[in-house]
Amino acid sequence: METLILYSSRDGQTKKIADFIARELSGNVTVQSLHEVAESSLVRADRIIIGASIRYGHFERALDDFVKKQTALLNKKPSAFFGVNLTARKVGKDTPETNVYVRKFLRRIQWKPELAAVFAGALRYPRYRFLDRIMIQLIMKITGGETDPTKEIEYTDWQKVKAFAEKLT
């Protein structure tokens, strides 16, 4: 089976999760940026998995554009979706049904992935640009999260990612 894992990542955590899933799957698995995928790769793949991150409450516009353009193809093949965001660090906001961003996304699109998941991302204050760092600190303060600008925290539950990958086999 040929599996194509596409990702849309702002700071690298979604790609890291995509790479982890790829290592867990058997067969020919390719991990590629959603922004660079060729039509021929989509057609050739037996299964397509898409992972995307949230920033300031939104997925990148490229995700919506891609899904709208490729809905028919995505619905013809086995497919899965995973969203990555810091809100998912909280119990009760870490499933497709309880995570507002993923729930809204899945409701508004015509693509119907067979499997969906939500994973907590990573907080990388030292790597953020000044304005992003300030905005994320404000959001984290409001939501009871870490605000120390020197910290890097990976909230991703790798056992949960592994369980998702196992459901794909």
Protein backbone atom coordinates (compact mmCIF):
# COMPACT_ATOMS: atom_id res chain seq x y z
CA MET A 1 0.00 0.00 0.00
CA GLU A 2 1.25 3.45 -0.90
CA THR A 3 0.47 6.03 1.77
CA LEU A 4 0.89 9.76 1.33
CA ILE A 5 1.04 11.85 4.49
CA LEU A 6 0.61 15.56 3.86
CA TYR A 7 1.24 18.18 6.49
CA SER A 8 0.76 21.89 6.99
CA SER A 9 3.03 23.02 9.80
CA ARG A 10 4.02 26.46 11.02
CA ASP A 11 6.67 25.60 13.58
CA GLY A 12 7.46 21.97 12.75
CA GLN A 13 5.43 19.98 15.29
CA THR A 14 2.85 18.80 12.75
CA LYS A 15 5.66 17.58 10.48
CA LYS A 16 7.24 15.83 13.46
CA ILE A 17 3.93 14.06 14.13
CA ALA A 18 3.56 13.16 10.43
CA ASP A 19 7.08 11.67 10.42
CA PHE A 20 6.26 9.66 13.56
CA ILE A 21 3.09 8.26 11.96
CA ALA A 22 5.08 7.37 8.82
CA ARG A 23 7.52 5.30 10.89
CA GLU A 24 4.61 3.40 12.44
CA LEU A 25 3.02 2.43 9.10
CA SER A 26 4.06 -0.39 6.81
CA GLY A 27 4.38 -0.21 3.05
CA ASN A 28 5.62 2.69 1.00
CA VAL A 29 5.01 5.88 3.01
CA THR A 30 5.84 9.38 1.79
CA VAL A 31 5.65 12.49 3.98
CA GLN A 32 5.33 15.74 2.08
CA SER A 33 4.32 19.34 2.64
CA LEU A 34 0.75 20.09 1.61
CA HIS A 35 2.15 23.18 -0.11
CA GLU A 36 4.43 21.17 -2.42
CA VAL A 37 2.48 18.04 -3.32
CA ALA A 38 2.15 17.15 -6.98
CA GLU A 39 -1.13 15.97 -8.50
CA SER A 40 0.58 12.76 -9.63
CA SER A 41 1.47 11.90 -6.01
CA LEU A 42 -2.17 12.27 -4.98
CA VAL A 43 -3.39 10.05 -7.80
CA ARG A 44 -0.73 7.40 -7.16
CA ALA A 45 -1.38 7.13 -3.41
CA ASP A 46 -3.63 4.35 -2.15
CA ARG A 47 -4.29 6.25 1.08
CA ILE A 48 -3.96 9.91 2.05
CA ILE A 49 -3.46 11.30 5.54
CA ILE A 50 -3.49 15.05 6.17
CA GLY A 51 -2.24 16.80 9.28
CA ALA A 52 -2.52 20.52 9.91
CA SER A 53 -1.81 22.97 12.70
CA ILE A 54 -3.85 25.78 14.17
CA ARG A 55 -2.51 29.27 14.80
CA TYR A 56 -4.72 31.97 16.31
CA GLY A 57 -7.79 29.79 15.94
CA HIS A 58 -7.39 28.95 12.25
CA PHE A 59 -5.85 26.35 9.98
CA GLU A 60 -3.78 27.79 7.15
CA ARG A 61 -5.90 28.90 4.20
CA ALA A 62 -3.92 26.52 1.98
CA LEU A 63 -5.55 23.59 3.80
CA ASP A 64 -9.05 24.78 2.93
CA ASP A 65 -8.03 25.49 -0.66
CA PHE A 66 -6.43 22.06 -1.03
CA VAL A 67 -9.37 20.18 0.47
CA LYS A 68 -11.89 22.07 -1.69
CA LYS A 69 -9.89 21.35 -4.83
CA GLN A 70 -9.25 17.68 -4.00
CA THR A 71 -12.52 16.67 -2.26
CA ALA A 72 -13.59 14.17 -4.92
CA LEU A 73 -10.21 12.43 -4.91
CA LEU A 74 -9.98 12.43 -1.11
CA ASN A 75 -13.44 10.89 -0.78
CA LYS A 76 -12.54 8.08 -3.24
CA LYS A 77 -9.58 6.84 -1.21
CA PRO A 78 -9.07 5.72 2.37
CA SER A 79 -8.13 8.91 4.18
CA ALA A 80 -7.54 10.40 7.60
CA PHE A 81 -7.06 13.81 9.16
CA PHE A 82 -5.33 15.06 12.28
CA GLY A 83 -5.33 18.56 13.70
CA VAL A 84 -2.58 19.91 15.94
CA ASN A 85 -3.13 22.72 18.43
CA LEU A 86 -2.29 23.84 21.93
CA THR A 87 -5.92 23.73 23.05
CA ALA A 88 -5.70 19.94 22.79
CA ARG A 89 -3.30 19.94 25.75
CA LYS A 90 -6.42 20.07 27.91
CA VAL A 91 -8.48 16.99 28.66
CA GLY A 92 -11.90 17.38 27.10
CA LYS A 93 -10.58 19.44 24.18
CA ASP A 94 -8.50 16.70 22.64
CA THR A 95 -10.88 14.83 20.34
CA PRO A 96 -12.41 15.75 16.97
CA GLU A 97 -15.78 16.07 18.70
CA THR A 98 -14.58 18.28 21.56
CA ASN A 99 -11.90 20.36 19.88
CA VAL A 100 -13.71 23.39 18.48
CA TYR A 101 -11.24 24.03 15.65
CA VAL A 102 -11.25 20.50 14.26
CA ARG A 103 -14.98 20.07 14.80
CA LYS A 104 -15.75 23.24 12.81
CA PHE A 105 -13.32 22.30 10.05
CA LEU A 106 -14.76 18.80 9.61
CA ARG A 107 -18.32 20.16 9.57
CA ARG A 108 -17.70 22.78 6.90
CA ILE A 109 -15.81 20.65 4.38
CA GLN A 110 -17.19 18.09 1.95
CA TRP A 111 -14.29 15.68 2.47
CA LYS A 112 -15.20 12.93 4.92
CA PRO A 113 -12.03 11.33 6.30
CA GLU A 114 -12.55 7.84 7.68
CA LEU A 115 -10.50 8.64 10.74
CA ALA A 116 -9.81 11.92 12.52
CA ALA A 117 -7.75 12.88 15.55
CA VAL A 118 -6.51 15.88 17.48
CA PHE A 119 -3.07 16.12 19.03
CA ALA A 120 -1.58 18.72 21.31
CA GLY A 121 1.25 20.63 19.71
CA ALA A 122 4.35 22.24 21.15
CA LEU A 123 5.02 25.61 22.70
CA ARG A 124 8.31 27.04 21.43
CA TYR A 125 8.58 30.57 22.81
CA PRO A 126 12.27 31.15 21.99
CA ARG A 127 11.65 30.27 18.33
CA TYR A 128 8.71 32.62 17.81
CA ARG A 129 8.95 36.07 16.30
CA PHE A 130 8.36 38.86 18.80
CA LEU A 131 4.72 39.52 17.93
CA ASP A 132 3.83 35.82 17.84
CA ARG A 133 5.49 35.28 21.21
CA ILE A 134 3.51 38.13 22.79
CA MET A 135 0.22 36.98 21.26
CA ILE A 136 0.74 33.35 22.25
CA GLN A 137 1.71 34.41 25.78
CA LEU A 138 -1.53 36.38 26.02
CA ILE A 139 -3.57 33.44 24.78
CA MET A 140 -1.80 31.08 27.17
CA LYS A 141 -2.37 33.46 30.09
CA ILE A 142 -6.08 33.63 29.30
CA THR A 143 -6.30 29.84 29.01
CA GLY A 144 -4.16 29.02 32.04
CA GLY A 145 -1.08 27.88 30.15
CA GLU A 146 2.66 28.45 30.35
CA THR A 147 3.78 32.05 29.80
CA ASP A 148 7.53 31.90 30.51
CA PRO A 149 9.13 33.18 27.25
CA THR A 150 12.24 31.04 27.79
CA LYS A 151 10.35 27.74 27.79
CA GLU A 152 9.85 25.12 25.12
CA ILE A 153 7.25 22.51 26.00
CA GLU A 154 6.13 19.60 23.88
CA TYR A 155 2.55 18.73 24.81
CA THR A 156 2.15 16.02 22.16
CA ASP A 157 1.01 12.70 23.64
CA TRP A 158 3.07 10.30 21.55
CA GLN A 159 1.12 7.27 22.82
CA LYS A 160 -2.04 8.87 21.43
CA VAL A 161 -0.29 9.47 18.09
CA LYS A 162 0.86 5.83 18.08
CA ALA A 163 -2.72 4.64 18.78
CA PHE A 164 -3.93 6.75 15.83
CA ALA A 165 -1.28 5.20 13.57
CA GLU A 166 -2.29 1.72 14.73
CA LYS A 167 -5.88 2.41 13.67
CA LEU A 168 -4.56 3.17 10.19
CA THR A 169 -2.99 -0.28 9.78
